[in-house]
Every structure is written in structure tokens, then in C-alpha cells.
């Protein structure tokens, strides 16, 4: 098994920028991508023998 090591860091930076509109637009864009992914999934039912 290969091991990957990732680090995620965050920092607080004081500023006077209004980023609310940017964050809302970004969230909307991510939601559209998620919706498109779910829409394109083809579900297949698999019957398992000996169960049930």
C-alpha cells in the first residue's frame, strides 16, 4: 500500500475586504459541480446470492 502525506494549513489574515459575495459564488459553483456529478452516475443493482 502506498502512503501519501498531505498537510493542510490555514492562516488568519486581517483585511477589510468583503469576500461574502465571492464565497457565495464559490459555494454555488461547487454545488453545481456536485449536482452534475450525481446526475451523471449510472446506478446498477447487484443481486448477491445467498443473502436475504
PDB file of N, CA and C in Angstrom:
ATOM      1  N   UNK A   1       0.844  -1.175   0.000  1.00  0.00           N
ATOM      2  CA  UNK A   1       0.000   0.000   0.000  1.00  0.00           C
ATOM      3  C   UNK A   1       0.890   1.240   0.000  1.00  0.00           C
ATOM      4  N   UNK A   2       0.607   2.180  -0.904  1.00  0.00           N
ATOM      5  CA  UNK A   2       1.412   3.399  -0.943  1.00  0.00           C
ATOM      6  C   UNK A   2       0.865   4.405   0.064  1.00  0.00           C
ATOM      7  N   UNK A   3       1.770   5.138   0.649  1.00  0.00           N
ATOM      8  CA  UNK A   3       1.374   6.136   1.635  1.00  0.00           C
ATOM      9  C   UNK A   3       1.561   7.529   1.057  1.00  0.00           C
ATOM     10  N   UNK A   4       0.584   8.371   1.283  1.00  0.00           N
ATOM     11  CA  UNK A   4       0.677   9.766   0.871  1.00  0.00           C
ATOM     12  C   UNK A   4       0.610  10.632   2.114  1.00  0.00           C
ATOM     13  N   UNK A   5       1.378  11.669   2.118  1.00  0.00           N
ATOM     14  CA  UNK A   5       1.388  12.579   3.248  1.00  0.00           C
ATOM     15  C   UNK A   5       1.009  13.974   2.755  1.00  0.00           C
ATOM     16  N   UNK A   6      -0.114  14.468   3.233  1.00  0.00           N
ATOM     17  CA  UNK A   6      -0.586  15.790   2.858  1.00  0.00           C
ATOM     18  C   UNK A   6      -0.736  16.641   4.102  1.00  0.00           C
ATOM     19  N   UNK A   7      -0.507  17.914   3.948  1.00  0.00           N
ATOM     20  CA  UNK A   7      -0.733  18.860   5.028  1.00  0.00           C
ATOM     21  C   UNK A   7      -1.656  19.952   4.525  1.00  0.00           C
ATOM     22  N   UNK A   8      -2.600  20.320   5.357  1.00  0.00           N
ATOM     23  CA  UNK A   8      -3.471  21.448   5.049  1.00  0.00           C
ATOM     24  C   UNK A   8      -3.235  22.479   6.141  1.00  0.00           C
ATOM     25  N   UNK A   9      -2.907  23.669   5.720  1.00  0.00           N
ATOM     26  CA  UNK A   9      -2.631  24.734   6.679  1.00  0.00           C
ATOM     27  C   UNK A   9      -3.556  25.908   6.397  1.00  0.00           C
ATOM     28  N   UNK A  10      -3.931  26.596   7.434  1.00  0.00           N
ATOM     29  CA  UNK A  10      -4.731  27.806   7.265  1.00  0.00           C
ATOM     30  C   UNK A  10      -4.151  28.895   8.158  1.00  0.00           C
ATOM     31  N   UNK A  11      -4.326  30.102   7.713  1.00  0.00           N
ATOM     32  CA  UNK A  11      -3.799  31.249   8.448  1.00  0.00           C
ATOM     33  C   UNK A  11      -4.863  32.332   8.504  1.00  0.00           C
ATOM     34  N   UNK A  12      -4.898  33.048   9.597  1.00  0.00           N
ATOM     35  CA  UNK A  12      -5.784  34.201   9.706  1.00  0.00           C
ATOM     36  C   UNK A  12      -5.013  35.423   9.239  1.00  0.00           C
ATOM     37  N   UNK A  13      -5.637  36.169   8.342  1.00  0.00           N
ATOM     38  CA  UNK A  13      -5.024  37.388   7.837  1.00  0.00           C
ATOM     39  C   UNK A  13      -6.049  38.503   7.988  1.00  0.00           C
ATOM     40  N   UNK A  14      -5.690  39.525   8.701  1.00  0.00           N
ATOM     41  CA  UNK A  14      -6.615  40.642   8.869  1.00  0.00           C
ATOM     42  C   UNK A  14      -6.687  41.444   7.582  1.00  0.00           C
ATOM     43  N   UNK A  15      -7.920  41.772   7.173  1.00  0.00           N
ATOM     44  CA  UNK A  15      -8.137  42.578   5.969  1.00  0.00           C
ATOM     45  C   UNK A  15      -9.497  43.234   6.061  1.00  0.00           C
ATOM     46  N   UNK A  16      -9.737  44.148   5.184  1.00  0.00           N
ATOM     47  CA  UNK A  16     -11.022  44.857   5.149  1.00  0.00           C
ATOM     48  C   UNK A  16     -11.791  44.546   3.872  1.00  0.00           C
ATOM     49  N   UNK A  17     -11.498  43.411   3.246  1.00  0.00           N
ATOM     50  CA  UNK A  17     -12.177  43.039   2.001  1.00  0.00           C
ATOM     51  C   UNK A  17     -13.496  42.353   2.300  1.00  0.00           C
ATOM     52  N   UNK A  18     -14.502  42.650   1.496  1.00  0.00           N
ATOM     53  CA  UNK A  18     -15.798  41.984   1.621  1.00  0.00           C
ATOM     54  C   UNK A  18     -15.781  40.762   0.697  1.00  0.00           C
ATOM     55  N   UNK A  19     -15.596  39.584   1.272  1.00  0.00           N
ATOM     56  CA  UNK A  19     -15.476  38.361   0.473  1.00  0.00           C
ATOM     57  C   UNK A  19     -16.752  37.525   0.491  1.00  0.00           C
ATOM     58  N   UNK A  20     -17.810  38.050   1.087  1.00  0.00           N
ATOM     59  CA  UNK A  20     -19.063  37.292   1.188  1.00  0.00           C
ATOM     60  C   UNK A  20     -19.598  36.885  -0.188  1.00  0.00           C
ATOM     61  N   UNK A  21     -19.626  37.818  -1.128  1.00  0.00           N
ATOM     62  CA  UNK A  21     -20.140  37.522  -2.477  1.00  0.00           C
ATOM     63  C   UNK A  21     -19.263  36.473  -3.170  1.00  0.00           C
ATOM     64  N   UNK A  22     -17.957  36.595  -3.015  1.00  0.00           N
ATOM     65  CA  UNK A  22     -17.037  35.616  -3.601  1.00  0.00           C
ATOM     66  C   UNK A  22     -17.286  34.226  -3.037  1.00  0.00           C
ATOM     67  N   UNK A  23     -17.437  34.131  -1.707  1.00  0.00           N
ATOM     68  CA  UNK A  23     -17.648  32.829  -1.075  1.00  0.00           C
ATOM     69  C   UNK A  23     -18.988  32.218  -1.474  1.00  0.00           C
ATOM     70  N   UNK A  24     -20.025  33.039  -1.594  1.00  0.00           N
ATOM     71  CA  UNK A  24     -21.334  32.535  -2.019  1.00  0.00           C
ATOM     72  C   UNK A  24     -21.275  32.015  -3.456  1.00  0.00           C
ATOM     73  N   UNK A  25     -20.579  32.733  -4.327  1.00  0.00           N
ATOM     74  CA  UNK A  25     -20.450  32.304  -5.723  1.00  0.00           C
ATOM     75  C   UNK A  25     -19.649  31.005  -5.811  1.00  0.00           C
ATOM     76  N   UNK A  26     -18.619  30.898  -5.001  1.00  0.00           N
ATOM     77  CA  UNK A  26     -17.792  29.686  -4.988  1.00  0.00           C
ATOM     78  C   UNK A  26     -18.594  28.488  -4.493  1.00  0.00           C
ATOM     79  N   UNK A  27     -19.382  28.683  -3.444  1.00  0.00           N
ATOM     80  CA  UNK A  27     -20.232  27.612  -2.926  1.00  0.00           C
ATOM     81  C   UNK A  27     -21.259  27.178  -3.972  1.00  0.00           C
ATOM     82  N   UNK A  28     -21.841  28.135  -4.680  1.00  0.00           N
ATOM     83  CA  UNK A  28     -22.806  27.835  -5.736  1.00  0.00           C
ATOM     84  C   UNK A  28     -22.149  27.021  -6.846  1.00  0.00           C
ATOM     85  N   UNK A  29     -20.916  27.404  -7.218  1.00  0.00           N
ATOM     86  CA  UNK A  29     -20.188  26.685  -8.257  1.00  0.00           C
ATOM     87  C   UNK A  29     -19.875  25.247  -7.832  1.00  0.00           C
ATOM     88  N   UNK A  30     -19.453  25.070  -6.600  1.00  0.00           N
ATOM     89  CA  UNK A  30     -19.190  23.719  -6.091  1.00  0.00           C
ATOM     90  C   UNK A  30     -20.457  22.875  -6.068  1.00  0.00           C
ATOM     91  N   UNK A  31     -21.582  23.476  -5.670  1.00  0.00           N
ATOM     92  CA  UNK A  31     -22.839  22.740  -5.632  1.00  0.00           C
ATOM     93  C   UNK A  31     -23.256  22.310  -7.031  1.00  0.00           C
ATOM     94  N   UNK A  32     -23.055  23.161  -8.025  1.00  0.00           N
ATOM     95  CA  UNK A  32     -23.372  22.787  -9.414  1.00  0.00           C
ATOM     96  C   UNK A  32     -22.524  21.613  -9.870  1.00  0.00           C
ATOM     97  N   UNK A  33     -21.243  21.617  -9.499  1.00  0.00           N
ATOM     98  CA  UNK A  33     -20.351  20.514  -9.877  1.00  0.00           C
ATOM     99  C   UNK A  33     -20.801  19.215  -9.216  1.00  0.00           C
ATOM    100  N   UNK A  34     -21.198  19.288  -7.953  1.00  0.00           N
ATOM    101  CA  UNK A  34     -21.685  18.094  -7.241  1.00  0.00           C
ATOM    102  C   UNK A  34     -22.971  17.596  -7.891  1.00  0.00           C
ATOM    103  N   UNK A  35     -23.886  18.486  -8.182  1.00  0.00           N
ATOM    104  CA  UNK A  35     -25.154  18.095  -8.813  1.00  0.00           C
ATOM    105  C   UNK A  35     -24.919  17.437 -10.169  1.00  0.00           C
ATOM    106  N   UNK A  36     -23.999  17.980 -10.950  1.00  0.00           N
ATOM    107  CA  UNK A  36     -23.697  17.418 -12.269  1.00  0.00           C
ATOM    108  C   UNK A  36     -23.093  16.020 -12.135  1.00  0.00           C
ATOM    109  N   UNK A  37     -22.232  15.839 -11.152  1.00  0.00           N
ATOM    110  CA  UNK A  37     -21.629  14.529 -10.915  1.00  0.00           C
ATOM    111  C   UNK A  37     -22.704  13.501 -10.560  1.00  0.00           C
ATOM    112  N   UNK A  38     -23.585  13.843  -9.624  1.00  0.00           N
ATOM    113  CA  UNK A  38     -24.654  12.918  -9.224  1.00  0.00           C
ATOM    114  C   UNK A  38     -25.587  12.608 -10.388  1.00  0.00           C
ATOM    115  N   UNK A  39     -25.859  13.626 -11.218  1.00  0.00           N
ATOM    116  CA  UNK A  39     -26.766  13.439 -12.351  1.00  0.00           C
ATOM    117  C   UNK A  39     -26.202  12.438 -13.361  1.00  0.00           C
ATOM    118  N   UNK A  40     -24.895  12.364 -13.470  1.00  0.00           N
ATOM    119  CA  UNK A  40     -24.260  11.514 -14.469  1.00  0.00           C
ATOM    120  C   UNK A  40     -23.874  10.134 -13.961  1.00  0.00           C
ATOM    121  N   UNK A  41     -24.234   9.812 -12.739  1.00  0.00           N
ATOM    122  CA  UNK A  41     -23.955   8.480 -12.202  1.00  0.00           C
ATOM    123  C   UNK A  41     -25.013   7.509 -12.712  1.00  0.00           C
ATOM    124  N   UNK A  42     -24.568   6.370 -13.188  1.00  0.00           N
ATOM    125  CA  UNK A  42     -25.487   5.313 -13.594  1.00  0.00           C
ATOM    126  C   UNK A  42     -25.471   4.253 -12.503  1.00  0.00           C
ATOM    127  N   UNK A  43     -26.617   4.064 -11.874  1.00  0.00           N
ATOM    128  CA  UNK A  43     -26.721   3.108 -10.776  1.00  0.00           C
ATOM    129  C   UNK A  43     -27.119   1.748 -11.323  1.00  0.00           C
ATOM    130  N   UNK A  44     -26.459   0.712 -10.843  1.00  0.00           N
ATOM    131  CA  UNK A  44     -26.779  -0.655 -11.234  1.00  0.00           C
ATOM    132  C   UNK A  44     -27.008  -1.467  -9.973  1.00  0.00           C
ATOM    133  N   UNK A  45     -28.102  -2.216  -9.973  1.00  0.00           N
ATOM    134  CA  UNK A  45     -28.415  -3.074  -8.819  1.00  0.00           C
ATOM    135  C   UNK A  45     -27.728  -4.403  -8.992  1.00  0.00           C
ATOM    136  N   UNK A  46     -27.076  -4.845  -7.953  1.00  0.00           N
ATOM    137  CA  UNK A  46     -26.357  -6.110  -7.993  1.00  0.00           C
ATOM    138  C   UNK A  46     -27.011  -7.067  -6.988  1.00  0.00           C
ATOM    139  N   UNK A  47     -27.381  -8.246  -7.474  1.00  0.00           N
ATOM    140  CA  UNK A  47     -28.001  -9.254  -6.631  1.00  0.00           C
ATOM    141  C   UNK A  47     -26.898 -10.134  -6.054  1.00  0.00           C
ATOM    142  N   UNK A  48     -26.915 -10.297  -4.736  1.00  0.00           N
ATOM    143  CA  UNK A  48     -25.934 -11.139  -4.069  1.00  0.00           C
ATOM    144  C   UNK A  48     -26.601 -12.467  -3.697  1.00  0.00           C
ATOM    145  N   UNK A  49     -26.042 -13.540  -4.190  1.00  0.00           N
ATOM    146  CA  UNK A  49     -26.610 -14.858  -3.924  1.00  0.00           C
ATOM    147  C   UNK A  49     -26.362 -15.265  -2.457  1.00  0.00           C
ATOM    148  N   UNK A  50     -27.323 -15.951  -1.897  1.00  0.00           N
ATOM    149  CA  UNK A  50     -27.161 -16.489  -0.540  1.00  0.00           C
ATOM    150  C   UNK A  50     -27.423 -15.472   0.554  1.00  0.00           C
ATOM    151  N   UNK A  51     -27.799 -14.275   0.206  1.00  0.00           N
ATOM    152  CA  UNK A  51     -28.111 -13.258   1.218  1.00  0.00           C
ATOM    153  C   UNK A  51     -29.602 -12.983   1.182  1.00  0.00           C
ATOM    154  N   UNK A  52     -30.152 -12.740   2.347  1.00  0.00           N
ATOM    155  CA  UNK A  52     -31.541 -12.321   2.399  1.00  0.00           C
ATOM    156  C   UNK A  52     -32.412 -13.456   2.658  1.00  0.00           C
TER     157      UNK A  52
END
